[in-house]
Amino acid sequence: MVIKAGDEFKNKTTAPNQQWQTDFTYFKIIGWGWFYLSTVLDDYSRYIIAWKLCTNMKAKDVTDTLQLALDASGCEQPKVLHRPRLLSDSGRSCVSSDLAEWLAGKKMDHVRGAPYHPQTQGKIERWHQTMKNRILLENYYMSGDLELRIALFVDYYNNQRYHESLGNVTPADAHFGRAKQILEKRQLIKRQTLQNRRLRHHAQAA
């Protein structure tokens, strides 16, 4: 199934692991050539569930990353009735029969963004931009150095970086159900702060 961004906006996800986005981006390691980062991002929370640095962009690289995501999320456990839907572009690895067969075996639906319409996968495209703005400040000469740098940034992105589109909580807060409590606590603090300011103002004016 092929969808466009407008369809995404009309049918927004309402909880984690309803839909995952996946895509590749690339890095050049000096003296070695191009390496490709495969990522699985949760559509609802923008949480990076799994990633893998690859030497190719084959269907096997996609399925390897998806298996890491299934293991990390627990979505393959017998008690989970519904698997996440996968949203990808229409690249060669994502339209392959090998991927289709693997997804069918995992009982995962698959939708693809319309060609030349990257806005459909806007969340993972934004992740690529945010990550590269930080990662590409350095040159890399070994794949291990790049992997370590990516791992550190993923941890920061998931657990420390506040995301405006999530109400200024982290992707981990949104993914693991902490966002509502955090936002309610912030509102309480805000109300208490305003009340204290009014009391101080009245006291000074008296």
N, C-alpha and C. Protein backbone atom coordinates (compact mmCIF):
# COMPACT_ATOMS: atom_id res chain seq x y z
N MET A 1 0.85 -1.19 0.00
CA MET A 1 0.00 0.00 0.00
C MET A 1 0.89 1.24 0.00
N VAL A 2 0.55 2.23 -0.83
CA VAL A 2 1.30 3.48 -0.91
C VAL A 2 0.44 4.59 -0.34
N ILE A 3 1.01 5.40 0.57
CA ILE A 3 0.27 6.49 1.19
C ILE A 3 1.07 7.78 1.05
N LYS A 4 0.40 8.91 1.26
CA LYS A 4 1.04 10.21 1.25
C LYS A 4 0.96 10.85 2.64
N ALA A 5 1.65 11.96 2.79
CA ALA A 5 1.72 12.61 4.09
C ALA A 5 0.33 12.98 4.62
N GLY A 6 -0.56 13.41 3.72
CA GLY A 6 -1.90 13.79 4.14
C GLY A 6 -2.63 12.65 4.83
N ASP A 7 -2.41 11.44 4.34
CA ASP A 7 -3.03 10.28 4.99
C ASP A 7 -2.47 10.07 6.38
N GLU A 8 -1.17 10.33 6.54
CA GLU A 8 -0.55 10.21 7.85
C GLU A 8 -1.17 11.19 8.85
N PHE A 9 -1.37 12.43 8.40
CA PHE A 9 -1.89 13.45 9.29
C PHE A 9 -3.33 13.15 9.69
N LYS A 10 -4.11 12.53 8.82
CA LYS A 10 -5.49 12.19 9.12
C LYS A 10 -5.60 11.01 10.08
N ASN A 11 -4.62 10.12 10.02
CA ASN A 11 -4.68 8.90 10.81
C ASN A 11 -3.45 8.82 11.72
N LYS A 12 -3.37 9.73 12.66
CA LYS A 12 -2.21 9.79 13.54
C LYS A 12 -2.23 8.63 14.52
N THR A 13 -1.03 8.18 14.86
CA THR A 13 -0.92 7.14 15.88
C THR A 13 -1.27 7.72 17.24
N THR A 14 -1.78 6.87 18.11
CA THR A 14 -2.24 7.33 19.42
C THR A 14 -1.52 6.63 20.57
N ALA A 15 -0.61 5.73 20.25
CA ALA A 15 0.12 5.00 21.29
C ALA A 15 1.40 4.43 20.69
N PRO A 16 2.38 4.11 21.53
CA PRO A 16 3.61 3.51 21.02
C PRO A 16 3.37 2.16 20.33
N ASN A 17 4.23 1.85 19.40
CA ASN A 17 4.26 0.56 18.70
C ASN A 17 3.03 0.27 17.86
N GLN A 18 2.30 1.32 17.50
CA GLN A 18 1.25 1.14 16.50
C GLN A 18 1.86 1.16 15.10
N GLN A 19 2.83 2.05 14.91
CA GLN A 19 3.48 2.15 13.61
C GLN A 19 4.96 2.51 13.80
N TRP A 20 5.81 1.87 13.04
CA TRP A 20 7.23 2.18 13.02
C TRP A 20 7.62 2.74 11.67
N GLN A 21 8.54 3.68 11.68
CA GLN A 21 9.12 4.18 10.45
C GLN A 21 10.54 3.64 10.32
N THR A 22 10.95 3.31 9.11
CA THR A 22 12.31 2.84 8.88
C THR A 22 12.88 3.46 7.62
N ASP A 23 14.19 3.68 7.64
CA ASP A 23 14.86 4.27 6.48
C ASP A 23 16.36 4.13 6.67
N PHE A 24 17.09 4.36 5.59
CA PHE A 24 18.55 4.39 5.61
C PHE A 24 19.04 5.83 5.47
N THR A 25 20.18 6.11 6.04
CA THR A 25 20.96 7.29 5.70
C THR A 25 22.41 6.85 5.63
N TYR A 26 23.29 7.71 5.15
CA TYR A 26 24.64 7.26 4.83
C TYR A 26 25.71 8.14 5.48
N PHE A 27 26.87 7.52 5.70
CA PHE A 27 28.05 8.20 6.24
C PHE A 27 29.27 7.72 5.47
N LYS A 28 30.25 8.60 5.32
CA LYS A 28 31.50 8.21 4.68
C LYS A 28 32.59 8.07 5.74
N ILE A 29 33.20 6.90 5.78
CA ILE A 29 34.33 6.66 6.68
C ILE A 29 35.60 6.78 5.85
N ILE A 30 36.45 7.70 6.21
CA ILE A 30 37.63 8.01 5.42
C ILE A 30 38.53 6.79 5.30
N GLY A 31 38.86 6.45 4.06
CA GLY A 31 39.70 5.29 3.78
C GLY A 31 38.95 3.99 3.62
N TRP A 32 37.64 4.00 3.92
CA TRP A 32 36.82 2.80 3.83
C TRP A 32 35.66 2.93 2.86
N GLY A 33 35.09 4.11 2.76
CA GLY A 33 33.95 4.31 1.86
C GLY A 33 32.66 4.54 2.61
N TRP A 34 31.55 4.23 1.95
CA TRP A 34 30.23 4.55 2.47
C TRP A 34 29.69 3.44 3.37
N PHE A 35 29.10 3.86 4.48
CA PHE A 35 28.36 2.97 5.37
C PHE A 35 26.94 3.53 5.50
N TYR A 36 26.00 2.64 5.82
CA TYR A 36 24.58 3.02 5.80
C TYR A 36 23.94 2.69 7.16
N LEU A 37 23.26 3.68 7.70
CA LEU A 37 22.59 3.51 8.99
C LEU A 37 21.13 3.17 8.77
N SER A 38 20.74 2.01 9.25
CA SER A 38 19.35 1.57 9.21
C SER A 38 18.73 1.82 10.58
N THR A 39 17.59 2.50 10.60
CA THR A 39 16.96 2.88 11.87
C THR A 39 15.49 2.49 11.88
N VAL A 40 15.00 2.11 13.05
CA VAL A 40 13.57 1.93 13.28
C VAL A 40 13.14 2.92 14.35
N LEU A 41 12.20 3.80 13.98
CA LEU A 41 11.72 4.87 14.86
C LEU A 41 10.23 4.67 15.12
N ASP A 42 9.82 4.81 16.37
CA ASP A 42 8.40 4.70 16.71
C ASP A 42 7.67 5.96 16.29
N ASP A 43 6.61 5.81 15.51
CA ASP A 43 5.91 6.94 14.93
C ASP A 43 5.27 7.83 15.99
N TYR A 44 4.76 7.25 17.06
CA TYR A 44 4.04 8.02 18.07
C TYR A 44 4.98 8.83 18.95
N SER A 45 6.04 8.19 19.42
CA SER A 45 6.92 8.82 20.42
C SER A 45 8.22 9.37 19.84
N ARG A 46 8.52 9.01 18.59
CA ARG A 46 9.81 9.34 17.94
C ARG A 46 10.99 8.67 18.63
N TYR A 47 10.72 7.66 19.41
CA TYR A 47 11.76 6.92 20.12
C TYR A 47 12.51 6.03 19.13
N ILE A 48 13.85 6.06 19.19
CA ILE A 48 14.64 5.20 18.34
C ILE A 48 14.68 3.81 18.99
N ILE A 49 13.99 2.86 18.38
CA ILE A 49 13.87 1.54 18.98
C ILE A 49 15.10 0.69 18.67
N ALA A 50 15.61 0.80 17.44
CA ALA A 50 16.76 0.00 17.06
C ALA A 50 17.47 0.66 15.89
N TRP A 51 18.75 0.36 15.76
CA TRP A 51 19.53 0.85 14.62
C TRP A 51 20.68 -0.10 14.35
N LYS A 52 21.21 -0.02 13.13
CA LYS A 52 22.29 -0.92 12.74
C LYS A 52 23.11 -0.23 11.65
N LEU A 53 24.42 -0.22 11.81
CA LEU A 53 25.31 0.33 10.79
C LEU A 53 25.66 -0.79 9.82
N CYS A 54 25.39 -0.55 8.54
CA CYS A 54 25.48 -1.59 7.53
C CYS A 54 26.46 -1.19 6.41
N THR A 55 26.95 -2.19 5.70
CA THR A 55 27.79 -1.93 4.53
C THR A 55 26.97 -1.91 3.25
N ASN A 56 25.70 -2.30 3.34
CA ASN A 56 24.81 -2.29 2.17
C ASN A 56 23.43 -1.79 2.60
N MET A 57 22.54 -1.69 1.63
CA MET A 57 21.14 -1.33 1.92
C MET A 57 20.23 -2.41 1.34
N LYS A 58 20.45 -3.64 1.79
CA LYS A 58 19.67 -4.76 1.28
C LYS A 58 18.50 -5.07 2.21
N ALA A 59 17.58 -5.90 1.71
CA ALA A 59 16.42 -6.29 2.52
C ALA A 59 16.86 -6.95 3.81
N LYS A 60 17.96 -7.72 3.78
CA LYS A 60 18.47 -8.38 4.98
C LYS A 60 18.88 -7.36 6.03
N ASP A 61 19.41 -6.22 5.61
CA ASP A 61 19.77 -5.17 6.57
C ASP A 61 18.51 -4.59 7.22
N VAL A 62 17.44 -4.45 6.44
CA VAL A 62 16.17 -3.96 6.98
C VAL A 62 15.61 -4.96 7.98
N THR A 63 15.58 -6.23 7.61
CA THR A 63 14.99 -7.23 8.50
C THR A 63 15.83 -7.42 9.76
N ASP A 64 17.15 -7.32 9.62
CA ASP A 64 18.00 -7.42 10.81
C ASP A 64 17.67 -6.31 11.81
N THR A 65 17.48 -5.09 11.30
CA THR A 65 17.16 -3.96 12.17
C THR A 65 15.77 -4.12 12.77
N LEU A 66 14.84 -4.58 11.96
CA LEU A 66 13.48 -4.81 12.47
C LEU A 66 13.47 -5.89 13.55
N GLN A 67 14.29 -6.92 13.39
CA GLN A 67 14.33 -7.97 14.42
C GLN A 67 14.90 -7.41 15.72
N LEU A 68 15.90 -6.55 15.61
CA LEU A 68 16.42 -5.88 16.81
C LEU A 68 15.31 -5.07 17.49
N ALA A 69 14.48 -4.41 16.67
CA ALA A 69 13.39 -3.60 17.22
C ALA A 69 12.33 -4.48 17.87
N LEU A 70 11.99 -5.59 17.24
CA LEU A 70 11.01 -6.51 17.83
C LEU A 70 11.50 -7.06 19.16
N ASP A 71 12.79 -7.40 19.21
CA ASP A 71 13.36 -7.92 20.45
C ASP A 71 13.39 -6.86 21.54
N ALA A 72 13.80 -5.63 21.17
CA ALA A 72 13.93 -4.56 22.16
C ALA A 72 12.58 -4.12 22.69
N SER A 73 11.56 -4.13 21.84
CA SER A 73 10.24 -3.63 22.23
C SER A 73 9.36 -4.68 22.89
N GLY A 74 9.71 -5.93 22.71
CA GLY A 74 8.86 -7.00 23.24
C GLY A 74 7.64 -7.28 22.39
N CYS A 75 7.58 -6.71 21.19
CA CYS A 75 6.39 -6.86 20.35
C CYS A 75 6.23 -8.24 19.75
N GLU A 76 7.24 -9.08 19.89
CA GLU A 76 7.14 -10.43 19.35
C GLU A 76 6.70 -11.44 20.39
N GLN A 77 6.45 -10.98 21.59
CA GLN A 77 6.00 -11.89 22.64
C GLN A 77 4.59 -12.40 22.34
N PRO A 78 4.26 -13.63 22.76
CA PRO A 78 2.95 -14.21 22.44
C PRO A 78 1.77 -13.38 22.94
N LYS A 79 1.95 -12.66 24.04
CA LYS A 79 0.83 -11.89 24.60
C LYS A 79 0.49 -10.65 23.78
N VAL A 80 1.39 -10.25 22.86
CA VAL A 80 1.15 -9.07 22.03
C VAL A 80 0.30 -9.49 20.83
N LEU A 81 -0.90 -8.96 20.75
CA LEU A 81 -1.84 -9.40 19.71
C LEU A 81 -1.60 -8.70 18.38
N HIS A 82 -1.13 -7.46 18.42
CA HIS A 82 -0.97 -6.69 17.19
C HIS A 82 0.48 -6.25 17.04
N ARG A 83 1.05 -6.54 15.89
CA ARG A 83 2.39 -6.09 15.58
C ARG A 83 2.34 -4.68 15.02
N PRO A 84 3.41 -3.91 15.15
CA PRO A 84 3.43 -2.56 14.57
C PRO A 84 3.32 -2.62 13.04
N ARG A 85 2.68 -1.63 12.49
CA ARG A 85 2.68 -1.45 11.04
C ARG A 85 3.98 -0.77 10.65
N LEU A 86 4.56 -1.15 9.53
CA LEU A 86 5.81 -0.57 9.07
C LEU A 86 5.56 0.45 7.98
N LEU A 87 6.14 1.63 8.14
CA LEU A 87 6.10 2.68 7.12
C LEU A 87 7.51 2.88 6.59
N SER A 88 7.67 2.78 5.29
CA SER A 88 8.98 2.97 4.68
C SER A 88 8.83 3.75 3.39
N ASP A 89 9.96 4.04 2.75
CA ASP A 89 9.91 4.61 1.41
C ASP A 89 9.78 3.47 0.41
N SER A 90 9.97 3.77 -0.86
CA SER A 90 9.83 2.74 -1.89
C SER A 90 11.18 2.38 -2.49
N GLY A 91 12.22 2.42 -1.64
CA GLY A 91 13.54 2.00 -2.09
C GLY A 91 13.57 0.52 -2.43
N ARG A 92 14.64 0.12 -3.12
CA ARG A 92 14.71 -1.26 -3.62
C ARG A 92 14.58 -2.29 -2.51
N SER A 93 15.24 -2.05 -1.38
CA SER A 93 15.18 -3.03 -0.30
C SER A 93 13.80 -3.12 0.32
N CYS A 94 13.03 -2.02 0.23
CA CYS A 94 11.71 -2.00 0.88
C CYS A 94 10.59 -2.51 -0.01
N VAL A 95 10.86 -2.73 -1.28
CA VAL A 95 9.84 -3.29 -2.17
C VAL A 95 10.20 -4.73 -2.57
N SER A 96 11.22 -5.28 -1.94
CA SER A 96 11.68 -6.61 -2.31
C SER A 96 10.72 -7.68 -1.80
N SER A 97 10.71 -8.80 -2.51
CA SER A 97 9.87 -9.92 -2.09
C SER A 97 10.41 -10.54 -0.79
N ASP A 98 11.73 -10.44 -0.58
CA ASP A 98 12.31 -10.98 0.65
C ASP A 98 11.76 -10.26 1.87
N LEU A 99 11.67 -8.94 1.80
CA LEU A 99 11.12 -8.18 2.92
C LEU A 99 9.64 -8.49 3.10
N ALA A 100 8.90 -8.54 2.00
CA ALA A 100 7.47 -8.84 2.08
C ALA A 100 7.22 -10.19 2.74
N GLU A 101 8.03 -11.18 2.38
CA GLU A 101 7.88 -12.52 2.95
C GLU A 101 8.22 -12.50 4.44
N TRP A 102 9.28 -11.78 4.80
CA TRP A 102 9.67 -11.72 6.21
C TRP A 102 8.59 -11.03 7.05
N LEU A 103 8.04 -9.93 6.55
CA LEU A 103 7.00 -9.20 7.27
C LEU A 103 5.74 -10.05 7.42
N ALA A 104 5.41 -10.81 6.38
CA ALA A 104 4.24 -11.68 6.47
C ALA A 104 4.44 -12.72 7.56
N GLY A 105 5.67 -13.25 7.66
CA GLY A 105 5.96 -14.22 8.70
C GLY A 105 5.87 -13.64 10.10
N LYS A 106 6.12 -12.33 10.21
CA LYS A 106 6.03 -11.64 11.51
C LYS A 106 4.65 -11.03 11.74
N LYS A 107 3.75 -11.19 10.78
CA LYS A 107 2.39 -10.64 10.86
C LYS A 107 2.41 -9.12 11.01
N MET A 108 3.27 -8.48 10.23
CA MET A 108 3.38 -7.02 10.23
C MET A 108 2.88 -6.47 8.90
N ASP A 109 1.99 -5.48 8.96
CA ASP A 109 1.55 -4.79 7.75
C ASP A 109 2.63 -3.82 7.30
N HIS A 110 2.60 -3.47 6.02
CA HIS A 110 3.62 -2.61 5.45
C HIS A 110 2.96 -1.59 4.52
N VAL A 111 3.22 -0.31 4.77
CA VAL A 111 2.78 0.75 3.86
C VAL A 111 4.01 1.53 3.45
N ARG A 112 3.95 2.12 2.25
CA ARG A 112 5.09 2.86 1.72
C ARG A 112 4.67 4.27 1.35
N GLY A 113 5.58 5.20 1.54
CA GLY A 113 5.33 6.57 1.12
C GLY A 113 5.37 6.69 -0.39
N ALA A 114 4.63 7.64 -0.90
CA ALA A 114 4.62 7.86 -2.34
C ALA A 114 6.00 8.26 -2.83
N PRO A 115 6.41 7.81 -4.02
CA PRO A 115 7.73 8.19 -4.56
C PRO A 115 7.87 9.71 -4.65
N TYR A 116 9.09 10.19 -4.37
CA TYR A 116 9.42 11.62 -4.42
C TYR A 116 8.57 12.44 -3.45
N HIS A 117 8.15 11.80 -2.36
CA HIS A 117 7.31 12.48 -1.37
C HIS A 117 7.84 12.16 0.02
N PRO A 118 9.05 12.67 0.36
CA PRO A 118 9.68 12.30 1.63
C PRO A 118 8.95 12.80 2.87
N GLN A 119 7.99 13.74 2.69
CA GLN A 119 7.27 14.26 3.86
C GLN A 119 6.50 13.16 4.58
N THR A 120 6.13 12.09 3.85
CA THR A 120 5.39 11.00 4.47
C THR A 120 6.19 10.37 5.60
N GLN A 121 7.50 10.25 5.39
CA GLN A 121 8.39 9.73 6.43
C GLN A 121 9.09 10.89 7.14
N GLY A 122 8.34 11.96 7.38
CA GLY A 122 8.93 13.18 7.91
C GLY A 122 9.61 13.02 9.25
N LYS A 123 9.12 12.13 10.08
CA LYS A 123 9.69 11.99 11.42
C LYS A 123 11.08 11.37 11.37
N ILE A 124 11.23 10.34 10.55
CA ILE A 124 12.55 9.72 10.48
C ILE A 124 13.50 10.59 9.65
N GLU A 125 12.99 11.34 8.70
CA GLU A 125 13.83 12.27 7.96
C GLU A 125 14.34 13.36 8.90
N ARG A 126 13.49 13.81 9.80
CA ARG A 126 13.91 14.82 10.76
C ARG A 126 14.96 14.25 11.72
N TRP A 127 14.79 12.98 12.10
CA TRP A 127 15.78 12.32 12.94
C TRP A 127 17.14 12.30 12.24
N HIS A 128 17.15 11.95 10.97
CA HIS A 128 18.40 11.94 10.21
C HIS A 128 19.07 13.32 10.25
N GLN A 129 18.28 14.35 10.03
CA GLN A 129 18.83 15.71 10.02
C GLN A 129 19.41 16.09 11.37
N THR A 130 18.63 15.83 12.43
CA THR A 130 19.08 16.17 13.78
C THR A 130 20.36 15.43 14.14
N MET A 131 20.39 14.14 13.83
CA MET A 131 21.55 13.32 14.16
C MET A 131 22.78 13.78 13.38
N LYS A 132 22.63 13.98 12.08
CA LYS A 132 23.79 14.33 11.26
C LYS A 132 24.35 15.70 11.60
N ASN A 133 23.48 16.61 12.04
CA ASN A 133 23.97 17.92 12.46
C ASN A 133 24.97 17.80 13.60
N ARG A 134 24.86 16.75 14.40
CA ARG A 134 25.78 16.53 15.50
C ARG A 134 26.89 15.54 15.13
N ILE A 135 26.53 14.45 14.50
CA ILE A 135 27.49 13.40 14.20
C ILE A 135 28.55 13.88 13.20
N LEU A 136 28.14 14.66 12.21
CA LEU A 136 29.06 15.04 11.14
C LEU A 136 29.95 16.22 11.51
N LEU A 137 29.97 16.61 12.77
CA LEU A 137 30.93 17.60 13.22
C LEU A 137 32.34 17.01 13.28
N GLU A 138 32.45 15.69 13.20
CA GLU A 138 33.74 15.01 13.25
C GLU A 138 33.94 14.16 12.00
N ASN A 139 35.20 13.85 11.70
CA ASN A 139 35.54 12.87 10.67
C ASN A 139 35.73 11.52 11.32
N TYR A 140 35.47 10.46 10.55
CA TYR A 140 35.58 9.11 11.09
C TYR A 140 36.49 8.28 10.19
N TYR A 141 37.37 7.52 10.82
CA TYR A 141 38.34 6.71 10.11
C TYR A 141 38.13 5.21 10.34
N MET A 142 37.30 4.86 11.34
CA MET A 142 36.98 3.47 11.64
C MET A 142 35.48 3.36 11.90
N SER A 143 34.89 2.25 11.46
CA SER A 143 33.45 2.08 11.65
C SER A 143 33.09 2.01 13.13
N GLY A 144 33.99 1.46 13.94
CA GLY A 144 33.73 1.37 15.38
C GLY A 144 33.60 2.72 16.03
N ASP A 145 34.40 3.69 15.58
CA ASP A 145 34.30 5.04 16.12
C ASP A 145 32.95 5.66 15.77
N LEU A 146 32.51 5.45 14.54
CA LEU A 146 31.21 5.98 14.12
C LEU A 146 30.08 5.31 14.90
N GLU A 147 30.15 4.00 15.07
CA GLU A 147 29.12 3.28 15.83
C GLU A 147 29.02 3.79 17.26
N LEU A 148 30.16 4.03 17.89
CA LEU A 148 30.15 4.55 19.26
C LEU A 148 29.51 5.92 19.31
N ARG A 149 29.84 6.76 18.34
CA ARG A 149 29.27 8.12 18.31
C ARG A 149 27.77 8.09 18.10
N ILE A 150 27.30 7.20 17.24
CA ILE A 150 25.86 7.06 17.00
C ILE A 150 25.18 6.56 18.27
N ALA A 151 25.76 5.57 18.93
CA ALA A 151 25.17 5.01 20.15
C ALA A 151 25.01 6.08 21.21
N LEU A 152 26.03 6.92 21.37
CA LEU A 152 25.96 7.99 22.37
C LEU A 152 24.87 8.99 22.02
N PHE A 153 24.76 9.31 20.73
CA PHE A 153 23.74 10.29 20.34
C PHE A 153 22.33 9.71 20.46
N VAL A 154 22.16 8.44 20.12
CA VAL A 154 20.84 7.81 20.27
C VAL A 154 20.40 7.85 21.73
N ASP A 155 21.32 7.55 22.64
CA ASP A 155 20.99 7.60 24.06
C ASP A 155 20.59 9.01 24.48
N TYR A 156 21.34 10.00 24.00
CA TYR A 156 21.00 11.40 24.31
C TYR A 156 19.65 11.77 23.71
N TYR A 157 19.43 11.42 22.46
CA TYR A 157 18.19 11.77 21.76
C TYR A 157 16.98 11.13 22.44
N ASN A 158 17.10 9.87 22.80
CA ASN A 158 15.96 9.16 23.40
C ASN A 158 15.66 9.62 24.82
N ASN A 159 16.70 9.89 25.60
CA ASN A 159 16.52 10.03 27.05
C ASN A 159 16.77 11.42 27.62
N GLN A 160 17.38 12.32 26.85
CA GLN A 160 17.72 13.63 27.40
C GLN A 160 17.21 14.81 26.58
N ARG A 161 17.04 14.63 25.29
CA ARG A 161 16.70 15.74 24.42
C ARG A 161 15.18 15.96 24.42
N TYR A 162 14.76 17.12 24.90
CA TYR A 162 13.33 17.45 24.91
C TYR A 162 12.86 17.77 23.50
N HIS A 163 11.68 17.23 23.15
CA HIS A 163 11.18 17.36 21.78
C HIS A 163 9.94 18.24 21.78
N GLU A 164 10.01 19.33 21.05
CA GLU A 164 8.91 20.31 21.05
C GLU A 164 7.59 19.68 20.61
N SER A 165 7.63 18.82 19.59
CA SER A 165 6.38 18.23 19.09
C SER A 165 5.76 17.25 20.07
N LEU A 166 6.50 16.87 21.10
CA LEU A 166 5.98 15.97 22.14
C LEU A 166 5.58 16.73 23.40
N GLY A 167 5.51 18.04 23.31
CA GLY A 167 5.19 18.84 24.50
C GLY A 167 6.39 19.09 25.37
N ASN A 168 7.58 19.00 24.77
CA ASN A 168 8.84 19.19 25.49
C ASN A 168 9.08 18.14 26.57
N VAL A 169 8.79 16.89 26.19
CA VAL A 169 9.28 15.74 26.95
C VAL A 169 10.22 14.97 26.02
N THR A 170 10.93 14.00 26.55
CA THR A 170 11.83 13.22 25.72
C THR A 170 11.07 12.10 25.00
N PRO A 171 11.62 11.57 23.91
CA PRO A 171 10.98 10.41 23.28
C PRO A 171 10.78 9.25 24.24
N ALA A 172 11.74 9.02 25.14
CA ALA A 172 11.57 7.94 26.12
C ALA A 172 10.38 8.20 27.04
N ASP A 173 10.19 9.47 27.46
CA ASP A 173 9.04 9.81 28.30
C ASP A 173 7.74 9.48 27.58
N ALA A 174 7.67 9.83 26.30
CA ALA A 174 6.46 9.57 25.52
C ALA A 174 6.28 8.07 25.28
N HIS A 175 7.37 7.39 25.02
CA HIS A 175 7.29 5.97 24.65
C HIS A 175 6.91 5.09 25.83
N PHE A 176 7.39 5.43 27.00
CA PHE A 176 7.17 4.58 28.17
C PHE A 176 6.10 5.12 29.12
N GLY A 177 5.28 6.03 28.62
CA GLY A 177 4.09 6.45 29.35
C GLY A 177 4.31 7.42 30.49
N ARG A 178 5.42 8.13 30.49
CA ARG A 178 5.69 9.09 31.56
C ARG A 178 5.26 10.50 31.21
N ALA A 179 4.94 10.75 29.96
CA ALA A 179 4.72 12.12 29.49
C ALA A 179 3.57 12.81 30.22
N LYS A 180 2.45 12.12 30.38
CA LYS A 180 1.27 12.74 31.00
C LYS A 180 1.57 13.20 32.41
N GLN A 181 2.21 12.35 33.20
CA GLN A 181 2.54 12.70 34.58
C GLN A 181 3.52 13.89 34.62
N ILE A 182 4.49 13.89 33.74
CA ILE A 182 5.47 14.98 33.71
C ILE A 182 4.80 16.30 33.35
N LEU A 183 3.94 16.28 32.34
CA LEU A 183 3.27 17.51 31.92
C LEU A 183 2.31 18.02 32.99
N GLU A 184 1.61 17.10 33.68
CA GLU A 184 0.72 17.51 34.76
C GLU A 184 1.51 18.13 35.91
N LYS A 185 2.66 17.56 36.21
CA LYS A 185 3.51 18.10 37.28
C LYS A 185 4.01 19.49 36.91
N ARG A 186 4.37 19.68 35.65
CA ARG A 186 4.83 21.00 35.20
C ARG A 186 3.71 22.04 35.34
N GLN A 187 2.49 21.66 34.99
CA GLN A 187 1.37 22.59 35.10
C GLN A 187 1.11 22.95 36.56
N LEU A 188 1.24 21.96 37.46
CA LEU A 188 1.05 22.22 38.88
C LEU A 188 2.11 23.20 39.38
N ILE A 189 3.35 22.98 39.01
CA ILE A 189 4.44 23.89 39.42
C ILE A 189 4.20 25.29 38.87
N LYS A 190 3.73 25.36 37.64
CA LYS A 190 3.46 26.66 37.02
C LYS A 190 2.37 27.40 37.78
N ARG A 191 1.28 26.69 38.14
CA ARG A 191 0.19 27.32 38.88
C ARG A 191 0.67 27.78 40.26
N GLN A 192 1.46 26.94 40.91
CA GLN A 192 1.96 27.31 42.23
C GLN A 192 2.90 28.50 42.15
N THR A 193 3.71 28.57 41.12
CA THR A 193 4.63 29.69 40.94
C THR A 193 3.87 30.99 40.72
N LEU A 194 2.84 30.94 39.88
CA LEU A 194 2.03 32.13 39.62
C LEU A 194 1.31 32.59 40.89
N GLN A 195 0.79 31.62 41.65
CA GLN A 195 0.10 31.96 42.88
C GLN A 195 1.05 32.62 43.89
N ASN A 196 2.26 32.08 43.99
CA ASN A 196 3.25 32.66 44.91
C ASN A 196 3.64 34.07 44.48
N ARG A 197 3.73 34.29 43.18
CA ARG A 197 4.06 35.63 42.68
C ARG A 197 2.96 36.62 43.04
N ARG A 198 1.71 36.18 42.89
CA ARG A 198 0.59 37.08 43.22
C ARG A 198 0.61 37.41 44.72
N LEU A 199 0.86 36.40 45.56
CA LEU A 199 0.89 36.64 47.00
C LEU A 199 2.01 37.62 47.38
N ARG A 200 3.19 37.47 46.74
CA ARG A 200 4.29 38.37 47.02
C ARG A 200 3.97 39.79 46.55
N HIS A 201 3.30 39.87 45.39
CA HIS A 201 2.93 41.18 44.86
C HIS A 201 1.95 41.89 45.79
N HIS A 202 0.94 41.14 46.29
CA HIS A 202 -0.04 41.74 47.21
C HIS A 202 0.61 42.15 48.52
N ALA A 203 1.57 41.34 48.99
CA ALA A 203 2.24 41.65 50.24
C ALA A 203 3.08 42.93 50.11
N GLN A 204 3.72 43.08 48.94
CA GLN A 204 4.54 44.28 48.73
C GLN A 204 3.67 45.54 48.56
N ALA A 205 2.47 45.33 47.99
CA ALA A 205 1.59 46.49 47.75
C ALA A 205 0.86 46.92 49.01
N ALA A 206 0.77 46.04 50.00
CA ALA A 206 0.01 46.35 51.22
C ALA A 206 0.73 47.41 52.07
